[in-house]
Amino acid sequence: MPPFNDFTFRIIGAAFRVHNTLGPGFYEHIYETILPGHQAQLRAYLRACGRETGLVLNFGPVRVGVKLVVETRVKRGTG
């Protein structure tokens, strides 16, 4: 599956609609920053599921943070 496809854009669009409707998440600093540990955790989940791409979404106080994570070590045909 290519990293950016229609489904990926639909998920990101839905995240922006949720943020615009409900407002931001928590204001604490931890919720404002997508940390490398979050990306590493998603990579582990992707490997475990046999998936190649995932999104880390952060509903911060100003805008939605989006980080696309691509795990290239996934064996094709396992998921």
PDB file of N, CA and C in Angstrom:
ATOM      1  N   MET A   1       0.858  -1.182   0.000  1.00  0.00           N
ATOM      2  CA  MET A   1       0.000   0.000   0.000  1.00  0.00           C
ATOM      3  C   MET A   1       0.899   1.238   0.000  1.00  0.00           C
ATOM      4  N   PRO A   2       0.677   2.175  -0.929  1.00  0.00           N
ATOM      5  CA  PRO A   2       1.489   3.395  -0.933  1.00  0.00           C
ATOM      6  C   PRO A   2       1.259   4.196   0.337  1.00  0.00           C
ATOM      7  N   PRO A   3       2.287   4.915   0.826  1.00  0.00           N
ATOM      8  CA  PRO A   3       2.138   5.675   2.067  1.00  0.00           C
ATOM      9  C   PRO A   3       0.966   6.645   2.065  1.00  0.00           C
ATOM     10  N   PHE A   4       0.805   7.397   0.979  1.00  0.00           N
ATOM     11  CA  PHE A   4      -0.317   8.327   0.896  1.00  0.00           C
ATOM     12  C   PHE A   4      -1.309   7.790  -0.110  1.00  0.00           C
ATOM     13  N   ASN A   5      -2.490   7.483   0.357  1.00  0.00           N
ATOM     14  CA  ASN A   5      -3.560   7.063  -0.535  1.00  0.00           C
ATOM     15  C   ASN A   5      -4.847   7.735  -0.084  1.00  0.00           C
ATOM     16  N   ASP A   6      -5.924   7.439  -0.759  1.00  0.00           N
ATOM     17  CA  ASP A   6      -7.201   8.082  -0.442  1.00  0.00           C
ATOM     18  C   ASP A   6      -7.611   7.845   1.005  1.00  0.00           C
ATOM     19  N   PHE A   7      -7.391   6.643   1.509  1.00  0.00           N
ATOM     20  CA  PHE A   7      -7.774   6.315   2.879  1.00  0.00           C
ATOM     21  C   PHE A   7      -6.990   7.156   3.884  1.00  0.00           C
ATOM     22  N   THR A   8      -5.689   7.330   3.636  1.00  0.00           N
ATOM     23  CA  THR A   8      -4.851   8.157   4.507  1.00  0.00           C
ATOM     24  C   THR A   8      -5.376   9.587   4.551  1.00  0.00           C
ATOM     25  N   PHE A   9      -5.666  10.148   3.395  1.00  0.00           N
ATOM     26  CA  PHE A   9      -6.179  11.520   3.350  1.00  0.00           C
ATOM     27  C   PHE A   9      -7.540  11.642   4.024  1.00  0.00           C
ATOM     28  N   ARG A  10      -8.374  10.597   3.920  1.00  0.00           N
ATOM     29  CA  ARG A  10      -9.678  10.634   4.591  1.00  0.00           C
ATOM     30  C   ARG A  10      -9.519  10.627   6.109  1.00  0.00           C
ATOM     31  N   ILE A  11      -8.565   9.851   6.610  1.00  0.00           N
ATOM     32  CA  ILE A  11      -8.321   9.829   8.059  1.00  0.00           C
ATOM     33  C   ILE A  11      -7.840  11.191   8.539  1.00  0.00           C
ATOM     34  N   ILE A  12      -6.895  11.780   7.821  1.00  0.00           N
ATOM     35  CA  ILE A  12      -6.375  13.096   8.200  1.00  0.00           C
ATOM     36  C   ILE A  12      -7.488  14.136   8.137  1.00  0.00           C
ATOM     37  N   GLY A  13      -8.313  14.094   7.099  1.00  0.00           N
ATOM     38  CA  GLY A  13      -9.446  15.023   6.992  1.00  0.00           C
ATOM     39  C   GLY A  13     -10.412  14.869   8.151  1.00  0.00           C
ATOM     40  N   ALA A  14     -10.680  13.633   8.549  1.00  0.00           N
ATOM     41  CA  ALA A  14     -11.574  13.394   9.685  1.00  0.00           C
ATOM     42  C   ALA A  14     -10.968  13.948  10.974  1.00  0.00           C
ATOM     43  N   ALA A  15      -9.654  13.811  11.134  1.00  0.00           N
ATOM     44  CA  ALA A  15      -9.000  14.355  12.328  1.00  0.00           C
ATOM     45  C   ALA A  15      -9.156  15.872  12.389  1.00  0.00           C
ATOM     46  N   PHE A  16      -9.003  16.543  11.254  1.00  0.00           N
ATOM     47  CA  PHE A  16      -9.182  17.998  11.231  1.00  0.00           C
ATOM     48  C   PHE A  16     -10.625  18.384  11.526  1.00  0.00           C
ATOM     49  N   ARG A  17     -11.583  17.603  11.009  1.00  0.00           N
ATOM     50  CA  ARG A  17     -12.993  17.912  11.290  1.00  0.00           C
ATOM     51  C   ARG A  17     -13.307  17.735  12.777  1.00  0.00           C
ATOM     52  N   VAL A  18     -12.784  16.686  13.377  1.00  0.00           N
ATOM     53  CA  VAL A  18     -12.977  16.469  14.818  1.00  0.00           C
ATOM     54  C   VAL A  18     -12.380  17.629  15.604  1.00  0.00           C
ATOM     55  N   HIS A  19     -11.166  18.022  15.261  1.00  0.00           N
ATOM     56  CA  HIS A  19     -10.496  19.127  15.960  1.00  0.00           C
ATOM     57  C   HIS A  19     -11.285  20.424  15.807  1.00  0.00           C
ATOM     58  N   ASN A  20     -11.773  20.688  14.603  1.00  0.00           N
ATOM     59  CA  ASN A  20     -12.547  21.913  14.370  1.00  0.00           C
ATOM     60  C   ASN A  20     -13.874  21.901  15.118  1.00  0.00           C
ATOM     61  N   THR A  21     -14.466  20.727  15.280  1.00  0.00           N
ATOM     62  CA  THR A  21     -15.765  20.616  15.955  1.00  0.00           C
ATOM     63  C   THR A  21     -15.622  20.600  17.473  1.00  0.00           C
ATOM     64  N   LEU A  22     -14.715  19.782  17.983  1.00  0.00           N
ATOM     65  CA  LEU A  22     -14.601  19.584  19.428  1.00  0.00           C
ATOM     66  C   LEU A  22     -13.535  20.449  20.087  1.00  0.00           C
ATOM     67  N   GLY A  23     -12.652  20.996  19.290  1.00  0.00           N
ATOM     68  CA  GLY A  23     -11.581  21.809  19.856  1.00  0.00           C
ATOM     69  C   GLY A  23     -10.373  20.961  20.184  1.00  0.00           C
ATOM     70  N   PRO A  24      -9.367  21.586  20.760  1.00  0.00           N
ATOM     71  CA  PRO A  24      -8.111  20.890  21.030  1.00  0.00           C
ATOM     72  C   PRO A  24      -8.231  19.903  22.185  1.00  0.00           C
ATOM     73  N   GLY A  25      -7.195  19.078  22.280  1.00  0.00           N
ATOM     74  CA  GLY A  25      -7.099  18.132  23.394  1.00  0.00           C
ATOM     75  C   GLY A  25      -6.572  18.856  24.611  1.00  0.00           C
ATOM     76  N   PHE A  26      -5.827  18.164  25.424  1.00  0.00           N
ATOM     77  CA  PHE A  26      -5.278  18.739  26.641  1.00  0.00           C
ATOM     78  C   PHE A  26      -4.234  19.795  26.310  1.00  0.00           C
ATOM     79  N   TYR A  27      -4.021  20.715  27.213  1.00  0.00           N
ATOM     80  CA  TYR A  27      -3.071  21.797  26.991  1.00  0.00           C
ATOM     81  C   TYR A  27      -1.690  21.502  27.566  1.00  0.00           C
ATOM     82  N   GLU A  28      -1.534  20.385  28.266  1.00  0.00           N
ATOM     83  CA  GLU A  28      -0.236  20.066  28.830  1.00  0.00           C
ATOM     84  C   GLU A  28       0.786  19.894  27.720  1.00  0.00           C
ATOM     85  N   HIS A  29       2.040  20.138  28.047  1.00  0.00           N
ATOM     86  CA  HIS A  29       3.113  20.099  27.071  1.00  0.00           C
ATOM     87  C   HIS A  29       3.209  18.743  26.356  1.00  0.00           C
ATOM     88  N   ILE A  30       2.974  17.659  27.071  1.00  0.00           N
ATOM     89  CA  ILE A  30       3.118  16.330  26.475  1.00  0.00           C
ATOM     90  C   ILE A  30       2.172  16.126  25.307  1.00  0.00           C
ATOM     91  N   TYR A  31       1.032  16.796  25.320  1.00  0.00           N
ATOM     92  CA  TYR A  31       0.057  16.635  24.254  1.00  0.00           C
ATOM     93  C   TYR A  31       0.326  17.573  23.085  1.00  0.00           C
ATOM     94  N   GLU A  32       1.311  18.476  23.202  1.00  0.00           N
ATOM     95  CA  GLU A  32       1.616  19.413  22.129  1.00  0.00           C
ATOM     96  C   GLU A  32       2.697  18.885  21.202  1.00  0.00           C
ATOM     97  N   THR A  33       3.416  17.837  21.640  1.00  0.00           N
ATOM     98  CA  THR A  33       4.588  17.378  20.899  1.00  0.00           C
ATOM     99  C   THR A  33       4.467  15.928  20.509  1.00  0.00           C
ATOM    100  N   ILE A  34       4.655  15.554  19.138  1.00  0.00           N
ATOM    101  CA  ILE A  34       4.774  14.166  18.716  1.00  0.00           C
ATOM    102  C   ILE A  34       6.237  13.807  18.912  1.00  0.00           C
ATOM    103  N   LEU A  35       6.501  12.911  19.854  1.00  0.00           N
ATOM    104  CA  LEU A  35       7.867  12.563  20.222  1.00  0.00           C
ATOM    105  C   LEU A  35       8.369  11.366  19.419  1.00  0.00           C
ATOM    106  N   PRO A  36       9.693  11.226  19.282  1.00  0.00           N
ATOM    107  CA  PRO A  36      10.242  10.058  18.582  1.00  0.00           C
ATOM    108  C   PRO A  36       9.776   8.730  19.178  1.00  0.00           C
ATOM    109  N   GLY A  37       9.541   8.703  20.477  1.00  0.00           N
ATOM    110  CA  GLY A  37       9.041   7.481  21.109  1.00  0.00           C
ATOM    111  C   GLY A  37       7.680   7.064  20.597  1.00  0.00           C
ATOM    112  N   HIS A  38       6.836   8.031  20.262  1.00  0.00           N
ATOM    113  CA  HIS A  38       5.523   7.713  19.710  1.00  0.00           C
ATOM    114  C   HIS A  38       5.668   7.041  18.346  1.00  0.00           C
ATOM    115  N   GLN A  39       6.585   7.569  17.547  1.00  0.00           N
ATOM    116  CA  GLN A  39       6.821   6.988  16.224  1.00  0.00           C
ATOM    117  C   GLN A  39       7.419   5.584  16.346  1.00  0.00           C
ATOM    118  N   ALA A  40       8.338   5.389  17.287  1.00  0.00           N
ATOM    119  CA  ALA A  40       8.943   4.076  17.493  1.00  0.00           C
ATOM    120  C   ALA A  40       7.889   3.059  17.939  1.00  0.00           C
ATOM    121  N   GLN A  41       6.985   3.484  18.806  1.00  0.00           N
ATOM    122  CA  GLN A  41       5.923   2.596  19.265  1.00  0.00           C
ATOM    123  C   GLN A  41       5.029   2.186  18.095  1.00  0.00           C
ATOM    124  N   LEU A  42       4.687   3.140  17.234  1.00  0.00           N
ATOM    125  CA  LEU A  42       3.860   2.823  16.072  1.00  0.00           C
ATOM    126  C   LEU A  42       4.595   1.874  15.130  1.00  0.00           C
ATOM    127  N   ARG A  43       5.891   2.088  14.931  1.00  0.00           N
ATOM    128  CA  ARG A  43       6.673   1.168  14.082  1.00  0.00           C
ATOM    129  C   ARG A  43       6.599  -0.270  14.624  1.00  0.00           C
ATOM    130  N   ALA A  44       6.697  -0.432  15.931  1.00  0.00           N
ATOM    131  CA  ALA A  44       6.601  -1.759  16.545  1.00  0.00           C
ATOM    132  C   ALA A  44       5.225  -2.374  16.285  1.00  0.00           C
ATOM    133  N   TYR A  45       4.166  -1.568  16.427  1.00  0.00           N
ATOM    134  CA  TYR A  45       2.811  -2.064  16.150  1.00  0.00           C
ATOM    135  C   TYR A  45       2.674  -2.469  14.686  1.00  0.00           C
ATOM    136  N   LEU A  46       3.234  -1.661  13.783  1.00  0.00           N
ATOM    137  CA  LEU A  46       3.145  -1.969  12.359  1.00  0.00           C
ATOM    138  C   LEU A  46       3.843  -3.290  12.046  1.00  0.00           C
ATOM    139  N   ARG A  47       5.021  -3.495  12.608  1.00  0.00           N
ATOM    140  CA  ARG A  47       5.744  -4.757  12.391  1.00  0.00           C
ATOM    141  C   ARG A  47       4.925  -5.933  12.938  1.00  0.00           C
ATOM    142  N   ALA A  48       4.345  -5.769  14.116  1.00  0.00           N
ATOM    143  CA  ALA A  48       3.573  -6.845  14.741  1.00  0.00           C
ATOM    144  C   ALA A  48       2.332  -7.199  13.925  1.00  0.00           C
ATOM    145  N   CYS A  49       1.751  -6.204  13.269  1.00  0.00           N
ATOM    146  CA  CYS A  49       0.526  -6.416  12.489  1.00  0.00           C
ATOM    147  C   CYS A  49       0.799  -6.742  11.025  1.00  0.00           C
ATOM    148  N   GLY A  50       2.060  -6.604  10.610  1.00  0.00           N
ATOM    149  CA  GLY A  50       2.374  -6.826   9.204  1.00  0.00           C
ATOM    150  C   GLY A  50       1.896  -5.698   8.311  1.00  0.00           C
ATOM    151  N   ARG A  51       1.795  -4.508   8.872  1.00  0.00           N
ATOM    152  CA  ARG A  51       1.362  -3.330   8.107  1.00  0.00           C
ATOM    153  C   ARG A  51       2.544  -2.435   7.813  1.00  0.00           C
ATOM    154  N   GLU A  52       2.414  -1.620   6.776  1.00  0.00           N
ATOM    155  CA  GLU A  52       3.526  -0.780   6.359  1.00  0.00           C
ATOM    156  C   GLU A  52       3.402   0.669   6.803  1.00  0.00           C
ATOM    157  N   THR A  53       2.179   1.198   6.846  1.00  0.00           N
ATOM    158  CA  THR A  53       2.023   2.613   7.163  1.00  0.00           C
ATOM    159  C   THR A  53       1.052   2.820   8.310  1.00  0.00           C
ATOM    160  N   GLY A  54       1.284   3.921   9.029  1.00  0.00           N
ATOM    161  CA  GLY A  54       0.406   4.311  10.125  1.00  0.00           C
ATOM    162  C   GLY A  54       0.526   5.803  10.353  1.00  0.00           C
ATOM    163  N   LEU A  55      -0.391   6.344  11.104  1.00  0.00           N
ATOM    164  CA  LEU A  55      -0.409   7.769  11.410  1.00  0.00           C
ATOM    165  C   LEU A  55      -0.372   7.981  12.916  1.00  0.00           C
ATOM    166  N   VAL A  56       0.437   8.934  13.343  1.00  0.00           N
ATOM    167  CA  VAL A  56       0.382   9.415  14.727  1.00  0.00           C
ATOM    168  C   VAL A  56      -0.336  10.752  14.648  1.00  0.00           C
ATOM    169  N   LEU A  57      -1.454  10.865  15.326  1.00  0.00           N
ATOM    170  CA  LEU A  57      -2.246  12.099  15.341  1.00  0.00           C
ATOM    171  C   LEU A  57      -2.185  12.712  16.726  1.00  0.00           C
ATOM    172  N   ASN A  58      -2.035  14.028  16.777  1.00  0.00           N
ATOM    173  CA  ASN A  58      -1.952  14.745  18.042  1.00  0.00           C
ATOM    174  C   ASN A  58      -2.937  15.908  17.996  1.00  0.00           C
ATOM    175  N   PHE A  59      -3.921  15.870  18.876  1.00  0.00           N
ATOM    176  CA  PHE A  59      -4.931  16.925  18.924  1.00  0.00           C
ATOM    177  C   PHE A  59      -4.473  18.013  19.895  1.00  0.00           C
ATOM    178  N   GLY A  60      -3.449  18.742  19.501  1.00  0.00           N
ATOM    179  CA  GLY A  60      -2.875  19.798  20.326  1.00  0.00           C
ATOM    180  C   GLY A  60      -3.745  21.034  20.380  1.00  0.00           C
ATOM    181  N   PRO A  61      -3.343  22.028  21.170  1.00  0.00           N
ATOM    182  CA  PRO A  61      -4.172  23.216  21.385  1.00  0.00           C
ATOM    183  C   PRO A  61      -4.290  24.122  20.171  1.00  0.00           C
ATOM    184  N   VAL A  62      -3.334  24.095  19.269  1.00  0.00           N
ATOM    185  CA  VAL A  62      -3.374  25.008  18.132  1.00  0.00           C
ATOM    186  C   VAL A  62      -3.864  24.318  16.870  1.00  0.00           C
ATOM    187  N   ARG A  63      -3.310  23.158  16.571  1.00  0.00           N
ATOM    188  CA  ARG A  63      -3.681  22.446  15.355  1.00  0.00           C
ATOM    189  C   ARG A  63      -3.460  20.951  15.557  1.00  0.00           C
ATOM    190  N   VAL A  64      -3.956  20.177  14.615  1.00  0.00           N
ATOM    191  CA  VAL A  64      -3.736  18.734  14.642  1.00  0.00           C
ATOM    192  C   VAL A  64      -2.340  18.462  14.099  1.00  0.00           C
ATOM    193  N   GLY A  65      -1.555  17.737  14.866  1.00  0.00           N
ATOM    194  CA  GLY A  65      -0.252  17.299  14.383  1.00  0.00           C
ATOM    195  C   GLY A  65      -0.395  15.934  13.730  1.00  0.00           C
ATOM    196  N   VAL A  66       0.204  15.772  12.566  1.00  0.00           N
ATOM    197  CA  VAL A  66       0.113  14.519  11.832  1.00  0.00           C
ATOM    198  C   VAL A  66       1.517  14.074  11.474  1.00  0.00           C
ATOM    199  N   LYS A  67       1.830  12.831  11.774  1.00  0.00           N
ATOM    200  CA  LYS A  67       3.111  12.258  11.397  1.00  0.00           C
ATOM    201  C   LYS A  67       2.849  10.911  10.741  1.00  0.00           C
ATOM    202  N   LEU A  68       3.219  10.793   9.472  1.00  0.00           N
ATOM    203  CA  LEU A  68       3.107   9.529   8.754  1.00  0.00           C
ATOM    204  C   LEU A  68       4.325   8.686   9.091  1.00  0.00           C
ATOM    205  N   VAL A  69       4.101   7.438   9.470  1.00  0.00           N
ATOM    206  CA  VAL A  69       5.186   6.523   9.799  1.00  0.00           C
ATOM    207  C   VAL A  69       5.127   5.364   8.809  1.00  0.00           C
ATOM    208  N   VAL A  70       6.249   5.093   8.157  1.00  0.00           N
ATOM    209  CA  VAL A  70       6.351   3.991   7.210  1.00  0.00           C
ATOM    210  C   VAL A  70       7.382   3.012   7.750  1.00  0.00           C
ATOM    211  N   GLU A  71       6.973   1.775   7.925  1.00  0.00           N
ATOM    212  CA  GLU A  71       7.860   0.722   8.419  1.00  0.00           C
ATOM    213  C   GLU A  71       8.265  -0.136   7.227  1.00  0.00           C
ATOM    214  N   THR A  72       9.514  -0.034   6.832  1.00  0.00           N
ATOM    215  CA  THR A  72       9.985  -0.735   5.631  1.00  0.00           C
ATOM    216  C   THR A  72      10.403  -2.169   5.915  1.00  0.00           C
ATOM    217  N   ARG A  73      10.477  -2.561   7.179  1.00  0.00           N
ATOM    218  CA  ARG A  73      10.900  -3.919   7.505  1.00  0.00           C
ATOM    219  C   ARG A  73       9.743  -4.903   7.582  1.00  0.00           C
ATOM    220  N   VAL A  74       8.570  -4.512   7.133  1.00  0.00           N
ATOM    221  CA  VAL A  74       7.407  -5.405   7.157  1.00  0.00           C
ATOM    222  C   VAL A  74       7.532  -6.411   6.030  1.00  0.00           C
ATOM    223  N   LYS A  75       7.301  -7.673   6.342  1.00  0.00           N
ATOM    224  CA  LYS A  75       7.311  -8.710   5.315  1.00  0.00           C
ATOM    225  C   LYS A  75       5.995  -8.667   4.562  1.00  0.00           C
ATOM    226  N   ARG A  76       6.076  -8.517   3.289  1.00  0.00           N
ATOM    227  CA  ARG A  76       4.863  -8.457   2.454  1.00  0.00           C
ATOM    228  C   ARG A  76       4.113  -9.779   2.506  1.00  0.00           C
ATOM    229  N   GLY A  77       2.788  -9.668   2.481  1.00  0.00           N
ATOM    230  CA  GLY A  77       1.955 -10.856   2.466  1.00  0.00           C
ATOM    231  C   GLY A  77       1.693 -11.474   3.819  1.00  0.00           C
ATOM    232  N   THR A  78       2.115 -10.793   4.901  1.00  0.00           N
ATOM    233  CA  THR A  78       1.883 -11.341   6.239  1.00  0.00           C
ATOM    234  C   THR A  78       0.696 -10.729   6.932  1.00  0.00           C
ATOM    235  N   GLY A  79       0.143  -9.641   6.372  1.00  0.00           N
ATOM    236  CA  GLY A  79      -0.925  -8.961   7.085  1.00  0.00           C
ATOM    237  C   GLY A  79      -2.213  -8.935   6.373  1.00  0.00           C
TER     238      GLY A  79
END
